Amino acid sequence: MPPLWPARLSAAAAHALRSKLLWSALGAALMLMLLWIWLPLLLIPGTQPLTMTGGDPHLRALMRTISASESNVMRPYHVLHGGDSVGTLERHPNRCQAIGQGPNRGNCSTAAGPYQLLFGTWIELAARYHPDRTDDSLDAVGLSFSALDQDLVVHAWLADPRAWRLDIAAQLRQGRMQPVLKCLSGTWTSLGHGIEINTMSRELPGLYKRLIENELAQAADANSAVSQQRAAR
């Protein structure tokens, strides 16, 4: 009668192999689940909260949506066109970076910040909306390009119906996202109706829905805190 230990050894090896494969499959499934959960943050790093406080929650969510489409980096306030960044925001950097692809390939762009504002656009907007603006529009060249000031200027711009011939905040409150994106696509050409659609363009309506929920929740918390403070006086 042949010895039984080779059969027992083979059975033990097969059991060990099955266990190893099972644990490997479970580990892979766990990694896929975590990747699915964190994927929006991995793909859309530019959606972090604004620097400014207050303002219309709908416009705040729109600003974060624009940032995700136009810059989509971890430090959006410092980013230049093409992905380079600057260390200081004392002034608009006004650095003309080469455009490597798209319909404007071969030209250069001074776009900077989460909203990728051109130098000329920033000067015009700063003269109208910057908190430190003066009566002399030429002074806008020297105005701060800080993260806070970028937010404040763009929020004021989006809140101005005369600038767009459209009440953007009212449209958003009515859930009319597509007319807003179409209106803004002449300025931010990656918003789905412009000449430079990117991989983020089709995700923007869904992204805005998630961001507006976040902004409305934060606004509700802030209002509740103010009410509690007043009640305690």
Protein backbone atom coordinates (compact mmCIF):
# COMPACT_ATOMS: atom_id res chain seq x y z
CA MET A 1 0.00 0.00 0.00
CA PRO A 2 1.55 3.36 -1.02
CA PRO A 3 2.17 6.00 1.68
CA LEU A 4 -0.58 8.55 2.31
CA TRP A 5 1.61 11.56 3.09
CA PRO A 6 2.04 12.75 -0.55
CA ALA A 7 -1.75 12.89 -0.95
CA ARG A 8 -2.13 14.68 2.36
CA LEU A 9 0.61 17.13 1.36
CA SER A 10 -1.08 17.79 -2.00
CA ALA A 11 -4.42 18.40 -0.29
CA ALA A 12 -2.81 20.81 2.19
CA ALA A 13 -1.04 22.66 -0.63
CA ALA A 14 -4.29 22.97 -2.58
CA HIS A 15 -6.08 24.27 0.51
CA ALA A 16 -3.32 26.83 1.11
CA LEU A 17 -3.48 27.92 -2.52
CA ARG A 18 -7.26 28.33 -2.36
CA SER A 19 -6.96 30.37 0.82
CA LYS A 20 -4.29 32.57 -0.74
CA LEU A 21 -6.39 33.15 -3.84
CA LEU A 22 -9.45 33.93 -1.70
CA TRP A 23 -7.59 36.51 0.38
CA SER A 24 -6.09 38.03 -2.77
CA ALA A 25 -9.56 38.34 -4.30
CA LEU A 26 -10.93 39.93 -1.13
CA GLY A 27 -8.02 42.37 -1.05
CA ALA A 28 -8.55 43.31 -4.67
CA ALA A 29 -12.28 43.82 -4.07
CA LEU A 30 -11.54 46.05 -1.09
CA MET A 31 -9.09 48.14 -3.11
CA LEU A 32 -11.64 48.55 -5.91
CA MET A 33 -14.29 49.59 -3.41
CA LEU A 34 -12.00 52.19 -1.84
CA LEU A 35 -10.99 53.46 -5.27
CA TRP A 36 -14.66 53.84 -6.22
CA ILE A 37 -15.36 55.81 -3.05
CA TRP A 38 -12.34 58.10 -3.41
CA LEU A 39 -12.38 58.40 -7.21
CA PRO A 40 -14.16 61.79 -7.28
CA LEU A 41 -11.51 63.29 -5.01
CA LEU A 42 -8.69 61.73 -7.01
CA LEU A 43 -10.02 63.01 -10.32
CA ILE A 44 -11.34 66.38 -9.15
CA PRO A 45 -8.87 67.87 -6.66
CA GLY A 46 -9.93 71.39 -7.64
CA THR A 47 -13.26 71.19 -5.80
CA GLN A 48 -11.95 72.05 -2.34
CA PRO A 49 -13.80 74.83 -0.48
CA LEU A 50 -13.37 78.46 -1.46
CA THR A 51 -11.15 80.81 0.49
CA MET A 52 -13.89 83.42 0.85
CA THR A 53 -16.68 83.04 3.37
CA GLY A 54 -20.30 83.99 2.83
CA GLY A 55 -21.86 84.77 -0.49
CA ASP A 56 -24.58 82.98 -2.45
CA PRO A 57 -24.28 79.19 -2.00
CA HIS A 58 -25.34 78.63 -5.61
CA LEU A 59 -22.63 80.92 -6.93
CA ARG A 60 -20.08 79.36 -4.59
CA ALA A 61 -20.92 75.90 -5.95
CA LEU A 62 -20.68 77.26 -9.50
CA MET A 63 -17.26 78.76 -8.76
CA ARG A 64 -16.00 75.43 -7.47
CA THR A 65 -17.41 73.76 -10.59
CA ILE A 66 -15.59 76.24 -12.82
CA SER A 67 -12.37 75.63 -10.90
CA ALA A 68 -12.70 71.87 -11.32
CA SER A 69 -13.09 72.29 -15.07
CA GLU A 70 -10.54 75.03 -15.67
CA SER A 71 -7.72 74.17 -13.26
CA ASN A 72 -8.48 70.95 -11.31
CA VAL A 73 -5.30 70.93 -9.20
CA MET A 74 -4.57 70.79 -5.48
CA ARG A 75 -3.37 74.45 -5.37
CA PRO A 76 -5.71 76.12 -7.87
CA TYR A 77 -5.08 79.68 -6.73
CA HIS A 78 -1.41 79.45 -7.72
CA VAL A 79 -1.73 77.55 -10.99
CA LEU A 80 -0.83 78.95 -14.42
CA HIS A 81 -2.04 77.76 -17.79
CA GLY A 82 -0.38 74.44 -18.55
CA GLY A 83 0.08 73.41 -14.92
CA ASP A 84 3.03 75.46 -13.71
CA SER A 85 2.50 77.45 -10.53
CA VAL A 86 3.67 80.64 -8.86
CA GLY A 87 4.73 81.13 -5.26
CA THR A 88 3.31 84.58 -4.64
CA LEU A 89 -0.08 86.11 -5.30
CA GLU A 90 0.73 89.75 -4.64
CA ARG A 91 -0.21 90.60 -8.22
CA HIS A 92 -1.58 88.73 -11.21
CA PRO A 93 1.51 86.84 -12.48
CA ASN A 94 0.96 87.90 -16.12
CA ARG A 95 3.17 85.09 -17.44
CA CYS A 96 2.35 84.02 -20.98
CA GLN A 97 2.53 80.23 -21.00
CA ALA A 98 2.67 78.28 -24.25
CA ILE A 99 -0.56 76.59 -25.37
CA GLY A 100 0.33 73.06 -26.40
CA GLN A 101 -2.99 71.75 -27.69
CA GLY A 102 -6.47 72.71 -28.79
CA PRO A 103 -7.62 75.38 -31.23
CA ASN A 104 -5.20 77.99 -29.81
CA ARG A 105 -2.14 75.77 -30.05
CA GLY A 106 1.00 77.76 -30.79
CA ASN A 107 -0.18 80.87 -28.95
CA CYS A 108 0.38 81.64 -25.27
CA SER A 109 -1.95 82.40 -22.38
CA THR A 110 -1.63 84.52 -19.23
CA ALA A 111 -4.48 82.59 -17.57
CA ALA A 112 -3.94 82.08 -13.84
CA GLY A 113 -5.78 80.88 -10.76
CA PRO A 114 -8.74 78.53 -10.29
CA TYR A 115 -10.79 80.56 -12.76
CA GLN A 116 -7.90 80.87 -15.24
CA LEU A 117 -8.31 84.62 -15.61
CA LEU A 118 -6.25 86.30 -18.32
CA PHE A 119 -4.22 89.30 -17.23
CA GLY A 120 -6.37 91.71 -19.25
CA THR A 121 -9.57 90.16 -17.92
CA TRP A 122 -8.31 90.40 -14.35
CA ILE A 123 -7.43 94.09 -14.74
CA GLU A 124 -10.88 94.84 -16.10
CA LEU A 125 -12.64 92.87 -13.38
CA ALA A 126 -10.45 94.17 -10.56
CA ALA A 127 -11.24 97.74 -11.58
CA ARG A 128 -14.96 96.94 -11.23
CA TYR A 129 -15.20 94.42 -8.38
CA HIS A 130 -11.97 94.29 -6.32
CA PRO A 131 -12.56 95.27 -2.66
CA ASP A 132 -9.55 97.64 -2.81
CA ARG A 133 -10.38 99.24 -6.16
CA THR A 134 -10.04 102.99 -6.62
CA ASP A 135 -11.66 105.51 -8.93
CA ASP A 136 -8.66 105.21 -11.25
CA SER A 137 -8.93 101.99 -13.28
CA LEU A 138 -5.17 102.06 -13.93
CA ASP A 139 -4.64 101.25 -10.24
CA ALA A 140 -6.09 97.78 -10.90
CA VAL A 141 -2.70 96.63 -12.23
CA GLY A 142 -1.29 96.76 -8.71
CA LEU A 143 -4.20 95.18 -6.87
CA SER A 144 -3.73 91.94 -4.94
CA PHE A 145 -4.35 88.62 -6.68
CA SER A 146 -4.67 86.77 -3.37
CA ALA A 147 -6.83 83.67 -3.14
CA LEU A 148 -9.45 85.65 -1.23
CA ASP A 149 -9.47 88.47 -3.78
CA GLN A 150 -9.79 86.04 -6.70
CA ASP A 151 -12.87 84.55 -5.04
CA LEU A 152 -14.42 87.90 -4.15
CA VAL A 153 -13.94 89.35 -7.63
CA VAL A 154 -15.34 86.32 -9.46
CA HIS A 155 -18.28 86.01 -7.05
CA ALA A 156 -19.16 89.68 -7.61
CA TRP A 157 -18.81 89.20 -11.38
CA LEU A 158 -21.10 86.18 -11.45
CA ALA A 159 -23.60 88.00 -9.21
CA ASP A 160 -23.85 90.95 -11.63
CA PRO A 161 -26.73 90.33 -14.09
CA ARG A 162 -25.57 93.26 -16.24
CA ALA A 163 -22.26 91.52 -16.93
CA TRP A 164 -23.95 88.42 -18.37
CA ARG A 165 -27.39 89.67 -19.41
CA LEU A 166 -28.60 86.86 -17.20
CA ASP A 167 -29.36 86.52 -13.51
CA ILE A 168 -27.09 83.53 -12.94
CA ALA A 169 -27.96 83.04 -9.28
CA ALA A 170 -31.70 83.04 -10.06
CA GLN A 171 -31.20 80.51 -12.85
CA LEU A 172 -29.28 78.21 -10.51
CA ARG A 173 -31.90 78.48 -7.80
CA GLN A 174 -34.44 77.29 -10.38
CA GLY A 175 -32.24 74.33 -11.28
CA ARG A 176 -31.42 75.68 -14.75
CA MET A 177 -27.78 74.64 -14.94
CA GLN A 178 -27.43 74.15 -18.70
CA PRO A 179 -28.41 77.75 -19.65
CA VAL A 180 -25.83 78.97 -17.15
CA LEU A 181 -23.09 76.74 -18.55
CA LYS A 182 -23.98 77.83 -22.08
CA CYS A 183 -23.86 81.49 -21.07
CA LEU A 184 -20.48 81.12 -19.38
CA SER A 185 -18.85 78.95 -22.05
CA GLY A 186 -17.79 82.00 -24.04
CA THR A 187 -15.61 82.96 -21.07
CA TRP A 188 -14.69 79.54 -19.70
CA THR A 189 -14.48 77.43 -22.84
CA SER A 190 -14.29 74.08 -21.02
CA LEU A 191 -17.81 74.28 -19.58
CA GLY A 192 -19.37 72.08 -22.24
CA HIS A 193 -20.50 74.60 -24.84
CA GLY A 194 -17.15 76.17 -25.73
CA ILE A 195 -14.22 75.41 -28.04
CA GLU A 196 -12.06 73.56 -25.51
CA ILE A 197 -14.16 70.76 -24.06
CA ASN A 198 -12.14 68.45 -21.81
CA THR A 199 -12.70 65.24 -19.87
CA MET A 200 -14.39 67.16 -17.06
CA SER A 201 -16.96 68.93 -19.24
CA ARG A 202 -19.59 66.18 -19.23
CA GLU A 203 -19.22 65.70 -15.46
CA LEU A 204 -20.00 69.30 -14.56
CA PRO A 205 -23.80 69.16 -14.05
CA GLY A 206 -23.48 66.17 -11.71
CA LEU A 207 -20.51 67.74 -9.96
CA TYR A 208 -22.44 70.96 -9.40
CA LYS A 209 -25.30 68.99 -7.81
CA ARG A 210 -22.90 67.49 -5.27
CA LEU A 211 -21.24 70.83 -4.58
CA ILE A 212 -24.49 72.74 -4.11
CA GLU A 213 -25.61 70.19 -1.52
CA ASN A 214 -22.34 70.79 0.31
CA GLU A 215 -22.62 74.58 0.08
CA LEU A 216 -26.26 74.67 1.20
CA ALA A 217 -25.44 72.45 4.17
CA GLN A 218 -22.58 74.74 5.17
CA ALA A 219 -24.80 77.81 4.82
CA ALA A 220 -27.46 76.18 7.00
CA ASP A 221 -24.87 75.35 9.66
CA ALA A 222 -23.56 78.93 9.59
CA ASN A 223 -27.06 80.38 9.92
CA SER A 224 -27.83 78.01 12.80
CA ALA A 225 -24.66 79.06 14.61
CA VAL A 226 -25.55 82.74 14.20
CA SER A 227 -29.06 82.12 15.52
CA GLN A 228 -27.68 80.32 18.57
CA GLN A 229 -25.28 83.16 19.28
CA ARG A 230 -28.07 85.70 19.09
CA ALA A 231 -30.29 83.60 21.35
CA ALA A 232 -27.50 83.35 23.93
CA ARG A 233 -27.17 87.15 24.24
